Amino acid sequence: MSVWCRGVRGATTATANTREAILEATRDLLAHIIAANAMEPDDVASAILTTTPDLDAEFPALAARQLGWTHVALLCGHDMQVPGALTQCIRILIHWNTTKRADEIVHVYVRGAEVLRPERALKTLEDQQASRSPSD
């Protein structure tokens, strides 16, 4: 079985520019990505976490450390300032060593970040049930 380094993307938004809000939103996003992909920290090569310039109260990488990613190479940065872009946004790109094919990777967009990639938005159980027709 071959192992590839795959990119896993995700995004979320923080409720405020506070340490607590940034860490909580990042931990939540990472928890969704980890669960959706059955990801183990030892298989993660590195991750790049970015925030929009309006979020500067804490490094979002701290949330990954709090989840046990102590030996993963992490880098934080700010996104480009594009007029009209989503604000208070935290994005992540994880470089993951896996046997999964690219089309099996689950990218996660939650908490208002679904507008960035609607086709990749994480569907909650309630969303899935609501989208089913009565004959399903």
C-alpha atoms as a PDB file:
ATOM      1  CA  MET A   1       0.000   0.000   0.000  1.00  0.00           C
ATOM      2  CA  SER A   2       1.428   3.371  -1.020  1.00  0.00           C
ATOM      3  CA  VAL A   3       1.556   6.393   1.258  1.00  0.00           C
ATOM      4  CA  TRP A   4       1.126   9.880  -0.203  1.00  0.00           C
ATOM      5  CA  CYS A   5       1.389  13.322   1.301  1.00  0.00           C
ATOM      6  CA  ARG A   6      -2.075  14.821   0.816  1.00  0.00           C
ATOM      7  CA  GLY A   7      -3.288  18.339   1.467  1.00  0.00           C
ATOM      8  CA  VAL A   8      -6.304  18.676   3.727  1.00  0.00           C
ATOM      9  CA  ARG A   9      -8.021  22.063   3.744  1.00  0.00           C
ATOM     10  CA  GLY A  10     -10.441  23.659   6.125  1.00  0.00           C
ATOM     11  CA  ALA A  11     -11.736  26.977   7.366  1.00  0.00           C
ATOM     12  CA  THR A  12     -13.844  28.403  10.146  1.00  0.00           C
ATOM     13  CA  THR A  13     -14.591  31.746  11.725  1.00  0.00           C
ATOM     14  CA  ALA A  14     -13.970  33.067  15.216  1.00  0.00           C
ATOM     15  CA  THR A  15     -16.676  34.931  17.094  1.00  0.00           C
ATOM     16  CA  ALA A  16     -14.261  37.648  18.239  1.00  0.00           C
ATOM     17  CA  ASN A  17     -10.623  38.723  18.149  1.00  0.00           C
ATOM     18  CA  THR A  18      -9.840  37.158  21.498  1.00  0.00           C
ATOM     19  CA  ARG A  19      -7.433  34.435  22.500  1.00  0.00           C
ATOM     20  CA  GLU A  20     -10.300  32.226  23.662  1.00  0.00           C
ATOM     21  CA  ALA A  21     -12.400  32.665  20.504  1.00  0.00           C
ATOM     22  CA  ILE A  22      -9.475  31.957  18.156  1.00  0.00           C
ATOM     23  CA  LEU A  23      -8.383  28.850  20.062  1.00  0.00           C
ATOM     24  CA  GLU A  24     -11.927  27.504  20.439  1.00  0.00           C
ATOM     25  CA  ALA A  25     -12.726  27.940  16.728  1.00  0.00           C
ATOM     26  CA  THR A  26      -9.421  26.362  15.689  1.00  0.00           C
ATOM     27  CA  ARG A  27      -9.806  23.398  18.049  1.00  0.00           C
ATOM     28  CA  ASP A  28     -13.346  22.849  16.735  1.00  0.00           C
ATOM     29  CA  LEU A  29     -12.171  22.956  13.104  1.00  0.00           C
ATOM     30  CA  LEU A  30      -9.297  20.570  13.815  1.00  0.00           C
ATOM     31  CA  ALA A  31     -11.604  18.192  15.694  1.00  0.00           C
ATOM     32  CA  HIS A  32     -13.917  18.056  12.658  1.00  0.00           C
ATOM     33  CA  ILE A  33     -10.999  17.447  10.270  1.00  0.00           C
ATOM     34  CA  ILE A  34      -9.444  14.774  12.505  1.00  0.00           C
ATOM     35  CA  ALA A  35     -12.751  12.923  12.949  1.00  0.00           C
ATOM     36  CA  ALA A  36     -13.782  13.167   9.288  1.00  0.00           C
ATOM     37  CA  ASN A  37     -10.459  11.765   8.080  1.00  0.00           C
ATOM     38  CA  ALA A  38      -9.483   9.439  10.977  1.00  0.00           C
ATOM     39  CA  MET A  39      -6.259  11.441  11.187  1.00  0.00           C
ATOM     40  CA  GLU A  40      -3.476  10.561  13.651  1.00  0.00           C
ATOM     41  CA  PRO A  41      -0.963  13.244  14.768  1.00  0.00           C
ATOM     42  CA  ASP A  42       1.997  10.992  13.879  1.00  0.00           C
ATOM     43  CA  ASP A  43       0.847  10.991  10.240  1.00  0.00           C
ATOM     44  CA  VAL A  44       0.741  14.796   9.975  1.00  0.00           C
ATOM     45  CA  ALA A  45       3.892  16.216   8.391  1.00  0.00           C
ATOM     46  CA  SER A  46       3.046  19.892   8.860  1.00  0.00           C
ATOM     47  CA  ALA A  47       0.260  22.426   8.893  1.00  0.00           C
ATOM     48  CA  ILE A  48      -0.083  26.038   7.845  1.00  0.00           C
ATOM     49  CA  LEU A  49      -2.696  28.041   9.741  1.00  0.00           C
ATOM     50  CA  THR A  50      -3.700  31.512   8.647  1.00  0.00           C
ATOM     51  CA  THR A  51      -6.053  34.163   9.927  1.00  0.00           C
ATOM     52  CA  THR A  52      -7.549  37.191   8.332  1.00  0.00           C
ATOM     53  CA  PRO A  53      -5.721  40.345   9.503  1.00  0.00           C
ATOM     54  CA  ASP A  54      -8.541  41.179  11.934  1.00  0.00           C
ATOM     55  CA  LEU A  55      -7.569  38.151  14.080  1.00  0.00           C
ATOM     56  CA  ASP A  56      -4.317  38.749  15.920  1.00  0.00           C
ATOM     57  CA  ALA A  57      -5.037  37.969  19.584  1.00  0.00           C
ATOM     58  CA  GLU A  58      -3.417  34.486  19.462  1.00  0.00           C
ATOM     59  CA  PHE A  59      -1.591  32.082  17.181  1.00  0.00           C
ATOM     60  CA  PRO A  60      -4.105  29.447  16.000  1.00  0.00           C
ATOM     61  CA  ALA A  61      -1.303  26.844  16.017  1.00  0.00           C
ATOM     62  CA  LEU A  62      -1.552  26.829  19.811  1.00  0.00           C
ATOM     63  CA  ALA A  63      -4.899  25.031  19.439  1.00  0.00           C
ATOM     64  CA  ALA A  64      -3.175  22.218  17.513  1.00  0.00           C
ATOM     65  CA  ARG A  65      -0.584  21.940  20.275  1.00  0.00           C
ATOM     66  CA  GLN A  66      -3.401  21.745  22.826  1.00  0.00           C
ATOM     67  CA  LEU A  67      -4.832  18.796  20.860  1.00  0.00           C
ATOM     68  CA  GLY A  68      -1.534  16.933  21.098  1.00  0.00           C
ATOM     69  CA  TRP A  69       0.207  17.972  17.892  1.00  0.00           C
ATOM     70  CA  THR A  70       3.449  18.518  19.793  1.00  0.00           C
ATOM     71  CA  HIS A  71       5.789  17.092  17.127  1.00  0.00           C
ATOM     72  CA  VAL A  72       4.039  18.531  14.064  1.00  0.00           C
ATOM     73  CA  ALA A  73       5.704  21.414  12.226  1.00  0.00           C
ATOM     74  CA  LEU A  74       3.250  24.328  12.415  1.00  0.00           C
ATOM     75  CA  LEU A  75       3.334  27.766  10.817  1.00  0.00           C
ATOM     76  CA  CYS A  76       0.959  30.711  11.271  1.00  0.00           C
ATOM     77  CA  GLY A  77       0.431  33.667   8.965  1.00  0.00           C
ATOM     78  CA  HIS A  78      -2.114  36.221   7.782  1.00  0.00           C
ATOM     79  CA  ASP A  79      -4.236  35.946   4.643  1.00  0.00           C
ATOM     80  CA  MET A  80      -4.195  38.521   1.883  1.00  0.00           C
ATOM     81  CA  GLN A  81      -6.440  41.527   2.445  1.00  0.00           C
ATOM     82  CA  VAL A  82      -8.982  41.200  -0.340  1.00  0.00           C
ATOM     83  CA  PRO A  83     -11.890  43.682  -0.401  1.00  0.00           C
ATOM     84  CA  GLY A  84     -15.148  41.965   0.505  1.00  0.00           C
ATOM     85  CA  ALA A  85     -13.472  38.759   1.741  1.00  0.00           C
ATOM     86  CA  LEU A  86     -14.792  36.800   4.700  1.00  0.00           C
ATOM     87  CA  THR A  87     -13.635  38.332   7.994  1.00  0.00           C
ATOM     88  CA  GLN A  88     -12.564  36.702  11.258  1.00  0.00           C
ATOM     89  CA  CYS A  89     -11.590  33.633   9.258  1.00  0.00           C
ATOM     90  CA  ILE A  90      -9.103  30.919  10.231  1.00  0.00           C
ATOM     91  CA  ARG A  91      -7.827  28.663   7.451  1.00  0.00           C
ATOM     92  CA  ILE A  92      -5.709  25.553   7.621  1.00  0.00           C
ATOM     93  CA  LEU A  93      -3.716  23.444   5.171  1.00  0.00           C
ATOM     94  CA  ILE A  94      -2.553  20.149   6.646  1.00  0.00           C
ATOM     95  CA  HIS A  95       0.115  18.037   4.920  1.00  0.00           C
ATOM     96  CA  TRP A  96      -0.946  14.502   5.811  1.00  0.00           C
ATOM     97  CA  ASN A  97       0.813  11.211   5.074  1.00  0.00           C
ATOM     98  CA  THR A  98      -1.956   8.769   4.214  1.00  0.00           C
ATOM     99  CA  THR A  99      -2.950   5.819   2.076  1.00  0.00           C
ATOM    100  CA  LYS A 100      -6.197   7.565   1.107  1.00  0.00           C
ATOM    101  CA  ARG A 101      -6.763   8.690  -2.466  1.00  0.00           C
ATOM    102  CA  ALA A 102      -7.182  12.423  -3.067  1.00  0.00           C
ATOM    103  CA  ASP A 103     -10.914  11.975  -3.684  1.00  0.00           C
ATOM    104  CA  GLU A 104     -11.295  10.324  -0.256  1.00  0.00           C
ATOM    105  CA  ILE A 105      -9.983  13.328   1.674  1.00  0.00           C
ATOM    106  CA  VAL A 106     -12.643  15.272   3.593  1.00  0.00           C
ATOM    107  CA  HIS A 107     -12.063  19.031   3.561  1.00  0.00           C
ATOM    108  CA  VAL A 108     -13.997  20.888   6.252  1.00  0.00           C
ATOM    109  CA  TYR A 109     -15.619  24.337   6.095  1.00  0.00           C
ATOM    110  CA  VAL A 110     -17.752  25.343   9.097  1.00  0.00           C
ATOM    111  CA  ARG A 111     -19.128  28.302  11.084  1.00  0.00           C
ATOM    112  CA  GLY A 112     -19.803  30.606   8.166  1.00  0.00           C
ATOM    113  CA  ALA A 113     -16.710  29.584   6.183  1.00  0.00           C
ATOM    114  CA  GLU A 114     -18.956  27.372   4.043  1.00  0.00           C
ATOM    115  CA  VAL A 115     -19.251  30.362   1.690  1.00  0.00           C
ATOM    116  CA  LEU A 116     -15.610  29.820   0.706  1.00  0.00           C
ATOM    117  CA  ARG A 117     -16.218  26.307  -0.633  1.00  0.00           C
ATOM    118  CA  PRO A 118     -19.938  25.456  -0.487  1.00  0.00           C
ATOM    119  CA  GLU A 119     -19.338  22.130  -2.209  1.00  0.00           C
ATOM    120  CA  ARG A 120     -16.949  21.169   0.619  1.00  0.00           C
ATOM    121  CA  ALA A 121     -19.070  22.397   3.539  1.00  0.00           C
ATOM    122  CA  LEU A 122     -19.310  19.889   6.354  1.00  0.00           C
ATOM    123  CA  LYS A 123     -22.813  18.513   6.469  1.00  0.00           C
ATOM    124  CA  THR A 124     -24.248  18.037   9.934  1.00  0.00           C
ATOM    125  CA  LEU A 125     -26.663  15.186  10.592  1.00  0.00           C
ATOM    126  CA  GLU A 126     -29.513  17.727  10.637  1.00  0.00           C
ATOM    127  CA  ASP A 127     -28.431  19.096   7.230  1.00  0.00           C
ATOM    128  CA  GLN A 128     -28.303  15.605   5.750  1.00  0.00           C
ATOM    129  CA  GLN A 129     -31.755  14.731   7.066  1.00  0.00           C
ATOM    130  CA  ALA A 130     -33.252  17.994   5.822  1.00  0.00           C
ATOM    131  CA  SER A 131     -31.845  17.497   2.320  1.00  0.00           C
ATOM    132  CA  ARG A 132     -33.332  14.009   1.941  1.00  0.00           C
ATOM    133  CA  SER A 133     -36.547  13.667   0.029  1.00  0.00           C
ATOM    134  CA  PRO A 134     -39.470  11.863   1.725  1.00  0.00           C
ATOM    135  CA  SER A 135     -38.857   8.831  -0.495  1.00  0.00           C
ATOM    136  CA  ASP A 136     -35.242   8.353   0.675  1.00  0.00           C
END
